[in-house]
Amino acid sequence: DIGNPFFTALVRGVEDVAQQTGYSV
């Protein structure tokens, strides 16, 4: 559920690590 604020912070955590390691999300 993209409308749930729970997933907003979760995806941000994923993206930050992905950017550090050369991946896109």
PDBML (XML) file of the C-alpha atoms, coordinates in Angstrom:
<?xml version="1.0" encoding="UTF-8" ?>
<PDBx:datablock datablockName="MODEL"
   xmlns:PDBx="http://pdbml.pdb.org/schema/pdbx-v50.xsd"
   xmlns:xsi="http://www.w3.org/2001/XMLSchema-instance"
   xsi:schemaLocation="http://pdbml.pdb.org/schema/pdbx-v50.xsd pdbx-v50.xsd">
   <PDBx:atom_siteCategory>
      <PDBx:atom_site id="1">
         <PDBx:B_iso_or_equiv>0.00</PDBx:B_iso_or_equiv>
         <PDBx:Cartn_x>0.000</PDBx:Cartn_x>
         <PDBx:Cartn_y>0.000</PDBx:Cartn_y>
         <PDBx:Cartn_z>0.000</PDBx:Cartn_z>
         <PDBx:auth_asym_id>A</PDBx:auth_asym_id>
         <PDBx:auth_atom_id>CA</PDBx:auth_atom_id>
         <PDBx:auth_comp_id>ASP</PDBx:auth_comp_id>
         <PDBx:auth_seq_id>1</PDBx:auth_seq_id>
         <PDBx:group_PDB>ATOM</PDBx:group_PDB>
         <PDBx:label_alt_id xsi:nil="true" />
         <PDBx:label_asym_id>A</PDBx:label_asym_id>
         <PDBx:label_atom_id>CA</PDBx:label_atom_id>
         <PDBx:label_comp_id>ASP</PDBx:label_comp_id>
         <PDBx:label_entity_id>1</PDBx:label_entity_id>
         <PDBx:label_seq_id>1</PDBx:label_seq_id>
         <PDBx:occupancy>1.00</PDBx:occupancy>
         <PDBx:pdbx_PDB_model_num>1</PDBx:pdbx_PDB_model_num>
         <PDBx:type_symbol>C</PDBx:type_symbol>
      </PDBx:atom_site>
      <PDBx:atom_site id="2">
         <PDBx:B_iso_or_equiv>0.00</PDBx:B_iso_or_equiv>
         <PDBx:Cartn_x>1.881</PDBx:Cartn_x>
         <PDBx:Cartn_y>3.027</PDBx:Cartn_y>
         <PDBx:Cartn_z>-1.291</PDBx:Cartn_z>
         <PDBx:auth_asym_id>A</PDBx:auth_asym_id>
         <PDBx:auth_atom_id>CA</PDBx:auth_atom_id>
         <PDBx:auth_comp_id>ILE</PDBx:auth_comp_id>
         <PDBx:auth_seq_id>2</PDBx:auth_seq_id>
         <PDBx:group_PDB>ATOM</PDBx:group_PDB>
         <PDBx:label_alt_id xsi:nil="true" />
         <PDBx:label_asym_id>A</PDBx:label_asym_id>
         <PDBx:label_atom_id>CA</PDBx:label_atom_id>
         <PDBx:label_comp_id>ILE</PDBx:label_comp_id>
         <PDBx:label_entity_id>1</PDBx:label_entity_id>
         <PDBx:label_seq_id>2</PDBx:label_seq_id>
         <PDBx:occupancy>1.00</PDBx:occupancy>
         <PDBx:pdbx_PDB_model_num>1</PDBx:pdbx_PDB_model_num>
         <PDBx:type_symbol>C</PDBx:type_symbol>
      </PDBx:atom_site>
      <PDBx:atom_site id="3">
         <PDBx:B_iso_or_equiv>0.00</PDBx:B_iso_or_equiv>
         <PDBx:Cartn_x>-0.603</PDBx:Cartn_x>
         <PDBx:Cartn_y>5.285</PDBx:Cartn_y>
         <PDBx:Cartn_z>0.530</PDBx:Cartn_z>
         <PDBx:auth_asym_id>A</PDBx:auth_asym_id>
         <PDBx:auth_atom_id>CA</PDBx:auth_atom_id>
         <PDBx:auth_comp_id>GLY</PDBx:auth_comp_id>
         <PDBx:auth_seq_id>3</PDBx:auth_seq_id>
         <PDBx:group_PDB>ATOM</PDBx:group_PDB>
         <PDBx:label_alt_id xsi:nil="true" />
         <PDBx:label_asym_id>A</PDBx:label_asym_id>
         <PDBx:label_atom_id>CA</PDBx:label_atom_id>
         <PDBx:label_comp_id>GLY</PDBx:label_comp_id>
         <PDBx:label_entity_id>1</PDBx:label_entity_id>
         <PDBx:label_seq_id>3</PDBx:label_seq_id>
         <PDBx:occupancy>1.00</PDBx:occupancy>
         <PDBx:pdbx_PDB_model_num>1</PDBx:pdbx_PDB_model_num>
         <PDBx:type_symbol>C</PDBx:type_symbol>
      </PDBx:atom_site>
      <PDBx:atom_site id="4">
         <PDBx:B_iso_or_equiv>0.00</PDBx:B_iso_or_equiv>
         <PDBx:Cartn_x>0.469</PDBx:Cartn_x>
         <PDBx:Cartn_y>3.999</PDBx:Cartn_y>
         <PDBx:Cartn_z>3.944</PDBx:Cartn_z>
         <PDBx:auth_asym_id>A</PDBx:auth_asym_id>
         <PDBx:auth_atom_id>CA</PDBx:auth_atom_id>
         <PDBx:auth_comp_id>ASN</PDBx:auth_comp_id>
         <PDBx:auth_seq_id>4</PDBx:auth_seq_id>
         <PDBx:group_PDB>ATOM</PDBx:group_PDB>
         <PDBx:label_alt_id xsi:nil="true" />
         <PDBx:label_asym_id>A</PDBx:label_asym_id>
         <PDBx:label_atom_id>CA</PDBx:label_atom_id>
         <PDBx:label_comp_id>ASN</PDBx:label_comp_id>
         <PDBx:label_entity_id>1</PDBx:label_entity_id>
         <PDBx:label_seq_id>4</PDBx:label_seq_id>
         <PDBx:occupancy>1.00</PDBx:occupancy>
         <PDBx:pdbx_PDB_model_num>1</PDBx:pdbx_PDB_model_num>
         <PDBx:type_symbol>C</PDBx:type_symbol>
      </PDBx:atom_site>
      <PDBx:atom_site id="5">
         <PDBx:B_iso_or_equiv>0.00</PDBx:B_iso_or_equiv>
         <PDBx:Cartn_x>3.054</PDBx:Cartn_x>
         <PDBx:Cartn_y>6.290</PDBx:Cartn_y>
         <PDBx:Cartn_z>5.652</PDBx:Cartn_z>
         <PDBx:auth_asym_id>A</PDBx:auth_asym_id>
         <PDBx:auth_atom_id>CA</PDBx:auth_atom_id>
         <PDBx:auth_comp_id>PRO</PDBx:auth_comp_id>
         <PDBx:auth_seq_id>5</PDBx:auth_seq_id>
         <PDBx:group_PDB>ATOM</PDBx:group_PDB>
         <PDBx:label_alt_id xsi:nil="true" />
         <PDBx:label_asym_id>A</PDBx:label_asym_id>
         <PDBx:label_atom_id>CA</PDBx:label_atom_id>
         <PDBx:label_comp_id>PRO</PDBx:label_comp_id>
         <PDBx:label_entity_id>1</PDBx:label_entity_id>
         <PDBx:label_seq_id>5</PDBx:label_seq_id>
         <PDBx:occupancy>1.00</PDBx:occupancy>
         <PDBx:pdbx_PDB_model_num>1</PDBx:pdbx_PDB_model_num>
         <PDBx:type_symbol>C</PDBx:type_symbol>
      </PDBx:atom_site>
      <PDBx:atom_site id="6">
         <PDBx:B_iso_or_equiv>0.00</PDBx:B_iso_or_equiv>
         <PDBx:Cartn_x>4.686</PDBx:Cartn_x>
         <PDBx:Cartn_y>3.158</PDBx:Cartn_y>
         <PDBx:Cartn_z>7.080</PDBx:Cartn_z>
         <PDBx:auth_asym_id>A</PDBx:auth_asym_id>
         <PDBx:auth_atom_id>CA</PDBx:auth_atom_id>
         <PDBx:auth_comp_id>PHE</PDBx:auth_comp_id>
         <PDBx:auth_seq_id>6</PDBx:auth_seq_id>
         <PDBx:group_PDB>ATOM</PDBx:group_PDB>
         <PDBx:label_alt_id xsi:nil="true" />
         <PDBx:label_asym_id>A</PDBx:label_asym_id>
         <PDBx:label_atom_id>CA</PDBx:label_atom_id>
         <PDBx:label_comp_id>PHE</PDBx:label_comp_id>
         <PDBx:label_entity_id>1</PDBx:label_entity_id>
         <PDBx:label_seq_id>6</PDBx:label_seq_id>
         <PDBx:occupancy>1.00</PDBx:occupancy>
         <PDBx:pdbx_PDB_model_num>1</PDBx:pdbx_PDB_model_num>
         <PDBx:type_symbol>C</PDBx:type_symbol>
      </PDBx:atom_site>
      <PDBx:atom_site id="7">
         <PDBx:B_iso_or_equiv>0.00</PDBx:B_iso_or_equiv>
         <PDBx:Cartn_x>6.053</PDBx:Cartn_x>
         <PDBx:Cartn_y>2.315</PDBx:Cartn_y>
         <PDBx:Cartn_z>3.626</PDBx:Cartn_z>
         <PDBx:auth_asym_id>A</PDBx:auth_asym_id>
         <PDBx:auth_atom_id>CA</PDBx:auth_atom_id>
         <PDBx:auth_comp_id>PHE</PDBx:auth_comp_id>
         <PDBx:auth_seq_id>7</PDBx:auth_seq_id>
         <PDBx:group_PDB>ATOM</PDBx:group_PDB>
         <PDBx:label_alt_id xsi:nil="true" />
         <PDBx:label_asym_id>A</PDBx:label_asym_id>
         <PDBx:label_atom_id>CA</PDBx:label_atom_id>
         <PDBx:label_comp_id>PHE</PDBx:label_comp_id>
         <PDBx:label_entity_id>1</PDBx:label_entity_id>
         <PDBx:label_seq_id>7</PDBx:label_seq_id>
         <PDBx:occupancy>1.00</PDBx:occupancy>
         <PDBx:pdbx_PDB_model_num>1</PDBx:pdbx_PDB_model_num>
         <PDBx:type_symbol>C</PDBx:type_symbol>
      </PDBx:atom_site>
      <PDBx:atom_site id="8">
         <PDBx:B_iso_or_equiv>0.00</PDBx:B_iso_or_equiv>
         <PDBx:Cartn_x>7.274</PDBx:Cartn_x>
         <PDBx:Cartn_y>5.848</PDBx:Cartn_y>
         <PDBx:Cartn_z>2.923</PDBx:Cartn_z>
         <PDBx:auth_asym_id>A</PDBx:auth_asym_id>
         <PDBx:auth_atom_id>CA</PDBx:auth_atom_id>
         <PDBx:auth_comp_id>THR</PDBx:auth_comp_id>
         <PDBx:auth_seq_id>8</PDBx:auth_seq_id>
         <PDBx:group_PDB>ATOM</PDBx:group_PDB>
         <PDBx:label_alt_id xsi:nil="true" />
         <PDBx:label_asym_id>A</PDBx:label_asym_id>
         <PDBx:label_atom_id>CA</PDBx:label_atom_id>
         <PDBx:label_comp_id>THR</PDBx:label_comp_id>
         <PDBx:label_entity_id>1</PDBx:label_entity_id>
         <PDBx:label_seq_id>8</PDBx:label_seq_id>
         <PDBx:occupancy>1.00</PDBx:occupancy>
         <PDBx:pdbx_PDB_model_num>1</PDBx:pdbx_PDB_model_num>
         <PDBx:type_symbol>C</PDBx:type_symbol>
      </PDBx:atom_site>
      <PDBx:atom_site id="9">
         <PDBx:B_iso_or_equiv>0.00</PDBx:B_iso_or_equiv>
         <PDBx:Cartn_x>10.089</PDBx:Cartn_x>
         <PDBx:Cartn_y>5.715</PDBx:Cartn_y>
         <PDBx:Cartn_z>5.476</PDBx:Cartn_z>
         <PDBx:auth_asym_id>A</PDBx:auth_asym_id>
         <PDBx:auth_atom_id>CA</PDBx:auth_atom_id>
         <PDBx:auth_comp_id>ALA</PDBx:auth_comp_id>
         <PDBx:auth_seq_id>9</PDBx:auth_seq_id>
         <PDBx:group_PDB>ATOM</PDBx:group_PDB>
         <PDBx:label_alt_id xsi:nil="true" />
         <PDBx:label_asym_id>A</PDBx:label_asym_id>
         <PDBx:label_atom_id>CA</PDBx:label_atom_id>
         <PDBx:label_comp_id>ALA</PDBx:label_comp_id>
         <PDBx:label_entity_id>1</PDBx:label_entity_id>
         <PDBx:label_seq_id>9</PDBx:label_seq_id>
         <PDBx:occupancy>1.00</PDBx:occupancy>
         <PDBx:pdbx_PDB_model_num>1</PDBx:pdbx_PDB_model_num>
         <PDBx:type_symbol>C</PDBx:type_symbol>
      </PDBx:atom_site>
      <PDBx:atom_site id="10">
         <PDBx:B_iso_or_equiv>0.00</PDBx:B_iso_or_equiv>
         <PDBx:Cartn_x>10.762</PDBx:Cartn_x>
         <PDBx:Cartn_y>2.060</PDBx:Cartn_y>
         <PDBx:Cartn_z>4.661</PDBx:Cartn_z>
         <PDBx:auth_asym_id>A</PDBx:auth_asym_id>
         <PDBx:auth_atom_id>CA</PDBx:auth_atom_id>
         <PDBx:auth_comp_id>LEU</PDBx:auth_comp_id>
         <PDBx:auth_seq_id>10</PDBx:auth_seq_id>
         <PDBx:group_PDB>ATOM</PDBx:group_PDB>
         <PDBx:label_alt_id xsi:nil="true" />
         <PDBx:label_asym_id>A</PDBx:label_asym_id>
         <PDBx:label_atom_id>CA</PDBx:label_atom_id>
         <PDBx:label_comp_id>LEU</PDBx:label_comp_id>
         <PDBx:label_entity_id>1</PDBx:label_entity_id>
         <PDBx:label_seq_id>10</PDBx:label_seq_id>
         <PDBx:occupancy>1.00</PDBx:occupancy>
         <PDBx:pdbx_PDB_model_num>1</PDBx:pdbx_PDB_model_num>
         <PDBx:type_symbol>C</PDBx:type_symbol>
      </PDBx:atom_site>
      <PDBx:atom_site id="11">
         <PDBx:B_iso_or_equiv>0.00</PDBx:B_iso_or_equiv>
         <PDBx:Cartn_x>11.327</PDBx:Cartn_x>
         <PDBx:Cartn_y>2.753</PDBx:Cartn_y>
         <PDBx:Cartn_z>0.962</PDBx:Cartn_z>
         <PDBx:auth_asym_id>A</PDBx:auth_asym_id>
         <PDBx:auth_atom_id>CA</PDBx:auth_atom_id>
         <PDBx:auth_comp_id>VAL</PDBx:auth_comp_id>
         <PDBx:auth_seq_id>11</PDBx:auth_seq_id>
         <PDBx:group_PDB>ATOM</PDBx:group_PDB>
         <PDBx:label_alt_id xsi:nil="true" />
         <PDBx:label_asym_id>A</PDBx:label_asym_id>
         <PDBx:label_atom_id>CA</PDBx:label_atom_id>
         <PDBx:label_comp_id>VAL</PDBx:label_comp_id>
         <PDBx:label_entity_id>1</PDBx:label_entity_id>
         <PDBx:label_seq_id>11</PDBx:label_seq_id>
         <PDBx:occupancy>1.00</PDBx:occupancy>
         <PDBx:pdbx_PDB_model_num>1</PDBx:pdbx_PDB_model_num>
         <PDBx:type_symbol>C</PDBx:type_symbol>
      </PDBx:atom_site>
      <PDBx:atom_site id="12">
         <PDBx:B_iso_or_equiv>0.00</PDBx:B_iso_or_equiv>
         <PDBx:Cartn_x>13.541</PDBx:Cartn_x>
         <PDBx:Cartn_y>5.716</PDBx:Cartn_y>
         <PDBx:Cartn_z>1.841</PDBx:Cartn_z>
         <PDBx:auth_asym_id>A</PDBx:auth_asym_id>
         <PDBx:auth_atom_id>CA</PDBx:auth_atom_id>
         <PDBx:auth_comp_id>ARG</PDBx:auth_comp_id>
         <PDBx:auth_seq_id>12</PDBx:auth_seq_id>
         <PDBx:group_PDB>ATOM</PDBx:group_PDB>
         <PDBx:label_alt_id xsi:nil="true" />
         <PDBx:label_asym_id>A</PDBx:label_asym_id>
         <PDBx:label_atom_id>CA</PDBx:label_atom_id>
         <PDBx:label_comp_id>ARG</PDBx:label_comp_id>
         <PDBx:label_entity_id>1</PDBx:label_entity_id>
         <PDBx:label_seq_id>12</PDBx:label_seq_id>
         <PDBx:occupancy>1.00</PDBx:occupancy>
         <PDBx:pdbx_PDB_model_num>1</PDBx:pdbx_PDB_model_num>
         <PDBx:type_symbol>C</PDBx:type_symbol>
      </PDBx:atom_site>
      <PDBx:atom_site id="13">
         <PDBx:B_iso_or_equiv>0.00</PDBx:B_iso_or_equiv>
         <PDBx:Cartn_x>15.764</PDBx:Cartn_x>
         <PDBx:Cartn_y>3.364</PDBx:Cartn_y>
         <PDBx:Cartn_z>3.835</PDBx:Cartn_z>
         <PDBx:auth_asym_id>A</PDBx:auth_asym_id>
         <PDBx:auth_atom_id>CA</PDBx:auth_atom_id>
         <PDBx:auth_comp_id>GLY</PDBx:auth_comp_id>
         <PDBx:auth_seq_id>13</PDBx:auth_seq_id>
         <PDBx:group_PDB>ATOM</PDBx:group_PDB>
         <PDBx:label_alt_id xsi:nil="true" />
         <PDBx:label_asym_id>A</PDBx:label_asym_id>
         <PDBx:label_atom_id>CA</PDBx:label_atom_id>
         <PDBx:label_comp_id>GLY</PDBx:label_comp_id>
         <PDBx:label_entity_id>1</PDBx:label_entity_id>
         <PDBx:label_seq_id>13</PDBx:label_seq_id>
         <PDBx:occupancy>1.00</PDBx:occupancy>
         <PDBx:pdbx_PDB_model_num>1</PDBx:pdbx_PDB_model_num>
         <PDBx:type_symbol>C</PDBx:type_symbol>
      </PDBx:atom_site>
      <PDBx:atom_site id="14">
         <PDBx:B_iso_or_equiv>0.00</PDBx:B_iso_or_equiv>
         <PDBx:Cartn_x>15.946</PDBx:Cartn_x>
         <PDBx:Cartn_y>0.992</PDBx:Cartn_y>
         <PDBx:Cartn_z>0.869</PDBx:Cartn_z>
         <PDBx:auth_asym_id>A</PDBx:auth_asym_id>
         <PDBx:auth_atom_id>CA</PDBx:auth_atom_id>
         <PDBx:auth_comp_id>VAL</PDBx:auth_comp_id>
         <PDBx:auth_seq_id>14</PDBx:auth_seq_id>
         <PDBx:group_PDB>ATOM</PDBx:group_PDB>
         <PDBx:label_alt_id xsi:nil="true" />
         <PDBx:label_asym_id>A</PDBx:label_asym_id>
         <PDBx:label_atom_id>CA</PDBx:label_atom_id>
         <PDBx:label_comp_id>VAL</PDBx:label_comp_id>
         <PDBx:label_entity_id>1</PDBx:label_entity_id>
         <PDBx:label_seq_id>14</PDBx:label_seq_id>
         <PDBx:occupancy>1.00</PDBx:occupancy>
         <PDBx:pdbx_PDB_model_num>1</PDBx:pdbx_PDB_model_num>
         <PDBx:type_symbol>C</PDBx:type_symbol>
      </PDBx:atom_site>
      <PDBx:atom_site id="15">
         <PDBx:B_iso_or_equiv>0.00</PDBx:B_iso_or_equiv>
         <PDBx:Cartn_x>16.754</PDBx:Cartn_x>
         <PDBx:Cartn_y>3.776</PDBx:Cartn_y>
         <PDBx:Cartn_z>-1.571</PDBx:Cartn_z>
         <PDBx:auth_asym_id>A</PDBx:auth_asym_id>
         <PDBx:auth_atom_id>CA</PDBx:auth_atom_id>
         <PDBx:auth_comp_id>GLU</PDBx:auth_comp_id>
         <PDBx:auth_seq_id>15</PDBx:auth_seq_id>
         <PDBx:group_PDB>ATOM</PDBx:group_PDB>
         <PDBx:label_alt_id xsi:nil="true" />
         <PDBx:label_asym_id>A</PDBx:label_asym_id>
         <PDBx:label_atom_id>CA</PDBx:label_atom_id>
         <PDBx:label_comp_id>GLU</PDBx:label_comp_id>
         <PDBx:label_entity_id>1</PDBx:label_entity_id>
         <PDBx:label_seq_id>15</PDBx:label_seq_id>
         <PDBx:occupancy>1.00</PDBx:occupancy>
         <PDBx:pdbx_PDB_model_num>1</PDBx:pdbx_PDB_model_num>
         <PDBx:type_symbol>C</PDBx:type_symbol>
      </PDBx:atom_site>
      <PDBx:atom_site id="16">
         <PDBx:B_iso_or_equiv>0.00</PDBx:B_iso_or_equiv>
         <PDBx:Cartn_x>19.518</PDBx:Cartn_x>
         <PDBx:Cartn_y>5.294</PDBx:Cartn_y>
         <PDBx:Cartn_z>0.544</PDBx:Cartn_z>
         <PDBx:auth_asym_id>A</PDBx:auth_asym_id>
         <PDBx:auth_atom_id>CA</PDBx:auth_atom_id>
         <PDBx:auth_comp_id>ASP</PDBx:auth_comp_id>
         <PDBx:auth_seq_id>16</PDBx:auth_seq_id>
         <PDBx:group_PDB>ATOM</PDBx:group_PDB>
         <PDBx:label_alt_id xsi:nil="true" />
         <PDBx:label_asym_id>A</PDBx:label_asym_id>
         <PDBx:label_atom_id>CA</PDBx:label_atom_id>
         <PDBx:label_comp_id>ASP</PDBx:label_comp_id>
         <PDBx:label_entity_id>1</PDBx:label_entity_id>
         <PDBx:label_seq_id>16</PDBx:label_seq_id>
         <PDBx:occupancy>1.00</PDBx:occupancy>
         <PDBx:pdbx_PDB_model_num>1</PDBx:pdbx_PDB_model_num>
         <PDBx:type_symbol>C</PDBx:type_symbol>
      </PDBx:atom_site>
      <PDBx:atom_site id="17">
         <PDBx:B_iso_or_equiv>0.00</PDBx:B_iso_or_equiv>
         <PDBx:Cartn_x>21.371</PDBx:Cartn_x>
         <PDBx:Cartn_y>1.976</PDBx:Cartn_y>
         <PDBx:Cartn_z>0.726</PDBx:Cartn_z>
         <PDBx:auth_asym_id>A</PDBx:auth_asym_id>
         <PDBx:auth_atom_id>CA</PDBx:auth_atom_id>
         <PDBx:auth_comp_id>VAL</PDBx:auth_comp_id>
         <PDBx:auth_seq_id>17</PDBx:auth_seq_id>
         <PDBx:group_PDB>ATOM</PDBx:group_PDB>
         <PDBx:label_alt_id xsi:nil="true" />
         <PDBx:label_asym_id>A</PDBx:label_asym_id>
         <PDBx:label_atom_id>CA</PDBx:label_atom_id>
         <PDBx:label_comp_id>VAL</PDBx:label_comp_id>
         <PDBx:label_entity_id>1</PDBx:label_entity_id>
         <PDBx:label_seq_id>17</PDBx:label_seq_id>
         <PDBx:occupancy>1.00</PDBx:occupancy>
         <PDBx:pdbx_PDB_model_num>1</PDBx:pdbx_PDB_model_num>
         <PDBx:type_symbol>C</PDBx:type_symbol>
      </PDBx:atom_site>
      <PDBx:atom_site id="18">
         <PDBx:B_iso_or_equiv>0.00</PDBx:B_iso_or_equiv>
         <PDBx:Cartn_x>20.734</PDBx:Cartn_x>
         <PDBx:Cartn_y>1.291</PDBx:Cartn_y>
         <PDBx:Cartn_z>-2.970</PDBx:Cartn_z>
         <PDBx:auth_asym_id>A</PDBx:auth_asym_id>
         <PDBx:auth_atom_id>CA</PDBx:auth_atom_id>
         <PDBx:auth_comp_id>ALA</PDBx:auth_comp_id>
         <PDBx:auth_seq_id>18</PDBx:auth_seq_id>
         <PDBx:group_PDB>ATOM</PDBx:group_PDB>
         <PDBx:label_alt_id xsi:nil="true" />
         <PDBx:label_asym_id>A</PDBx:label_asym_id>
         <PDBx:label_atom_id>CA</PDBx:label_atom_id>
         <PDBx:label_comp_id>ALA</PDBx:label_comp_id>
         <PDBx:label_entity_id>1</PDBx:label_entity_id>
         <PDBx:label_seq_id>18</PDBx:label_seq_id>
         <PDBx:occupancy>1.00</PDBx:occupancy>
         <PDBx:pdbx_PDB_model_num>1</PDBx:pdbx_PDB_model_num>
         <PDBx:type_symbol>C</PDBx:type_symbol>
      </PDBx:atom_site>
      <PDBx:atom_site id="19">
         <PDBx:B_iso_or_equiv>0.00</PDBx:B_iso_or_equiv>
         <PDBx:Cartn_x>22.252</PDBx:Cartn_x>
         <PDBx:Cartn_y>4.633</PDBx:Cartn_y>
         <PDBx:Cartn_z>-3.962</PDBx:Cartn_z>
         <PDBx:auth_asym_id>A</PDBx:auth_asym_id>
         <PDBx:auth_atom_id>CA</PDBx:auth_atom_id>
         <PDBx:auth_comp_id>GLN</PDBx:auth_comp_id>
         <PDBx:auth_seq_id>19</PDBx:auth_seq_id>
         <PDBx:group_PDB>ATOM</PDBx:group_PDB>
         <PDBx:label_alt_id xsi:nil="true" />
         <PDBx:label_asym_id>A</PDBx:label_asym_id>
         <PDBx:label_atom_id>CA</PDBx:label_atom_id>
         <PDBx:label_comp_id>GLN</PDBx:label_comp_id>
         <PDBx:label_entity_id>1</PDBx:label_entity_id>
         <PDBx:label_seq_id>19</PDBx:label_seq_id>
         <PDBx:occupancy>1.00</PDBx:occupancy>
         <PDBx:pdbx_PDB_model_num>1</PDBx:pdbx_PDB_model_num>
         <PDBx:type_symbol>C</PDBx:type_symbol>
      </PDBx:atom_site>
      <PDBx:atom_site id="20">
         <PDBx:B_iso_or_equiv>0.00</PDBx:B_iso_or_equiv>
         <PDBx:Cartn_x>25.324</PDBx:Cartn_x>
         <PDBx:Cartn_y>3.951</PDBx:Cartn_y>
         <PDBx:Cartn_z>-1.828</PDBx:Cartn_z>
         <PDBx:auth_asym_id>A</PDBx:auth_asym_id>
         <PDBx:auth_atom_id>CA</PDBx:auth_atom_id>
         <PDBx:auth_comp_id>GLN</PDBx:auth_comp_id>
         <PDBx:auth_seq_id>20</PDBx:auth_seq_id>
         <PDBx:group_PDB>ATOM</PDBx:group_PDB>
         <PDBx:label_alt_id xsi:nil="true" />
         <PDBx:label_asym_id>A</PDBx:label_asym_id>
         <PDBx:label_atom_id>CA</PDBx:label_atom_id>
         <PDBx:label_comp_id>GLN</PDBx:label_comp_id>
         <PDBx:label_entity_id>1</PDBx:label_entity_id>
         <PDBx:label_seq_id>20</PDBx:label_seq_id>
         <PDBx:occupancy>1.00</PDBx:occupancy>
         <PDBx:pdbx_PDB_model_num>1</PDBx:pdbx_PDB_model_num>
         <PDBx:type_symbol>C</PDBx:type_symbol>
      </PDBx:atom_site>
      <PDBx:atom_site id="21">
         <PDBx:B_iso_or_equiv>0.00</PDBx:B_iso_or_equiv>
         <PDBx:Cartn_x>25.867</PDBx:Cartn_x>
         <PDBx:Cartn_y>0.586</PDBx:Cartn_y>
         <PDBx:Cartn_z>-3.493</PDBx:Cartn_z>
         <PDBx:auth_asym_id>A</PDBx:auth_asym_id>
         <PDBx:auth_atom_id>CA</PDBx:auth_atom_id>
         <PDBx:auth_comp_id>THR</PDBx:auth_comp_id>
         <PDBx:auth_seq_id>21</PDBx:auth_seq_id>
         <PDBx:group_PDB>ATOM</PDBx:group_PDB>
         <PDBx:label_alt_id xsi:nil="true" />
         <PDBx:label_asym_id>A</PDBx:label_asym_id>
         <PDBx:label_atom_id>CA</PDBx:label_atom_id>
         <PDBx:label_comp_id>THR</PDBx:label_comp_id>
         <PDBx:label_entity_id>1</PDBx:label_entity_id>
         <PDBx:label_seq_id>21</PDBx:label_seq_id>
         <PDBx:occupancy>1.00</PDBx:occupancy>
         <PDBx:pdbx_PDB_model_num>1</PDBx:pdbx_PDB_model_num>
         <PDBx:type_symbol>C</PDBx:type_symbol>
      </PDBx:atom_site>
      <PDBx:atom_site id="22">
         <PDBx:B_iso_or_equiv>0.00</PDBx:B_iso_or_equiv>
         <PDBx:Cartn_x>25.252</PDBx:Cartn_x>
         <PDBx:Cartn_y>1.565</PDBx:Cartn_y>
         <PDBx:Cartn_z>-7.119</PDBx:Cartn_z>
         <PDBx:auth_asym_id>A</PDBx:auth_asym_id>
         <PDBx:auth_atom_id>CA</PDBx:auth_atom_id>
         <PDBx:auth_comp_id>GLY</PDBx:auth_comp_id>
         <PDBx:auth_seq_id>22</PDBx:auth_seq_id>
         <PDBx:group_PDB>ATOM</PDBx:group_PDB>
         <PDBx:label_alt_id xsi:nil="true" />
         <PDBx:label_asym_id>A</PDBx:label_asym_id>
         <PDBx:label_atom_id>CA</PDBx:label_atom_id>
         <PDBx:label_comp_id>GLY</PDBx:label_comp_id>
         <PDBx:label_entity_id>1</PDBx:label_entity_id>
         <PDBx:label_seq_id>22</PDBx:label_seq_id>
         <PDBx:occupancy>1.00</PDBx:occupancy>
         <PDBx:pdbx_PDB_model_num>1</PDBx:pdbx_PDB_model_num>
         <PDBx:type_symbol>C</PDBx:type_symbol>
      </PDBx:atom_site>
      <PDBx:atom_site id="23">
         <PDBx:B_iso_or_equiv>0.00</PDBx:B_iso_or_equiv>
         <PDBx:Cartn_x>21.658</PDBx:Cartn_x>
         <PDBx:Cartn_y>0.422</PDBx:Cartn_y>
         <PDBx:Cartn_z>-7.557</PDBx:Cartn_z>
         <PDBx:auth_asym_id>A</PDBx:auth_asym_id>
         <PDBx:auth_atom_id>CA</PDBx:auth_atom_id>
         <PDBx:auth_comp_id>TYR</PDBx:auth_comp_id>
         <PDBx:auth_seq_id>23</PDBx:auth_seq_id>
         <PDBx:group_PDB>ATOM</PDBx:group_PDB>
         <PDBx:label_alt_id xsi:nil="true" />
         <PDBx:label_asym_id>A</PDBx:label_asym_id>
         <PDBx:label_atom_id>CA</PDBx:label_atom_id>
         <PDBx:label_comp_id>TYR</PDBx:label_comp_id>
         <PDBx:label_entity_id>1</PDBx:label_entity_id>
         <PDBx:label_seq_id>23</PDBx:label_seq_id>
         <PDBx:occupancy>1.00</PDBx:occupancy>
         <PDBx:pdbx_PDB_model_num>1</PDBx:pdbx_PDB_model_num>
         <PDBx:type_symbol>C</PDBx:type_symbol>
      </PDBx:atom_site>
      <PDBx:atom_site id="24">
         <PDBx:B_iso_or_equiv>0.00</PDBx:B_iso_or_equiv>
         <PDBx:Cartn_x>18.450</PDBx:Cartn_x>
         <PDBx:Cartn_y>2.220</PDBx:Cartn_y>
         <PDBx:Cartn_z>-8.522</PDBx:Cartn_z>
         <PDBx:auth_asym_id>A</PDBx:auth_asym_id>
         <PDBx:auth_atom_id>CA</PDBx:auth_atom_id>
         <PDBx:auth_comp_id>SER</PDBx:auth_comp_id>
         <PDBx:auth_seq_id>24</PDBx:auth_seq_id>
         <PDBx:group_PDB>ATOM</PDBx:group_PDB>
         <PDBx:label_alt_id xsi:nil="true" />
         <PDBx:label_asym_id>A</PDBx:label_asym_id>
         <PDBx:label_atom_id>CA</PDBx:label_atom_id>
         <PDBx:label_comp_id>SER</PDBx:label_comp_id>
         <PDBx:label_entity_id>1</PDBx:label_entity_id>
         <PDBx:label_seq_id>24</PDBx:label_seq_id>
         <PDBx:occupancy>1.00</PDBx:occupancy>
         <PDBx:pdbx_PDB_model_num>1</PDBx:pdbx_PDB_model_num>
         <PDBx:type_symbol>C</PDBx:type_symbol>
      </PDBx:atom_site>
      <PDBx:atom_site id="25">
         <PDBx:B_iso_or_equiv>0.00</PDBx:B_iso_or_equiv>
         <PDBx:Cartn_x>15.012</PDBx:Cartn_x>
         <PDBx:Cartn_y>1.424</PDBx:Cartn_y>
         <PDBx:Cartn_z>-7.113</PDBx:Cartn_z>
         <PDBx:auth_asym_id>A</PDBx:auth_asym_id>
         <PDBx:auth_atom_id>CA</PDBx:auth_atom_id>
         <PDBx:auth_comp_id>VAL</PDBx:auth_comp_id>
         <PDBx:auth_seq_id>25</PDBx:auth_seq_id>
         <PDBx:group_PDB>ATOM</PDBx:group_PDB>
         <PDBx:label_alt_id xsi:nil="true" />
         <PDBx:label_asym_id>A</PDBx:label_asym_id>
         <PDBx:label_atom_id>CA</PDBx:label_atom_id>
         <PDBx:label_comp_id>VAL</PDBx:label_comp_id>
         <PDBx:label_entity_id>1</PDBx:label_entity_id>
         <PDBx:label_seq_id>25</PDBx:label_seq_id>
         <PDBx:occupancy>1.00</PDBx:occupancy>
         <PDBx:pdbx_PDB_model_num>1</PDBx:pdbx_PDB_model_num>
         <PDBx:type_symbol>C</PDBx:type_symbol>
      </PDBx:atom_site>
   </PDBx:atom_siteCategory>
</PDBx:datablock>
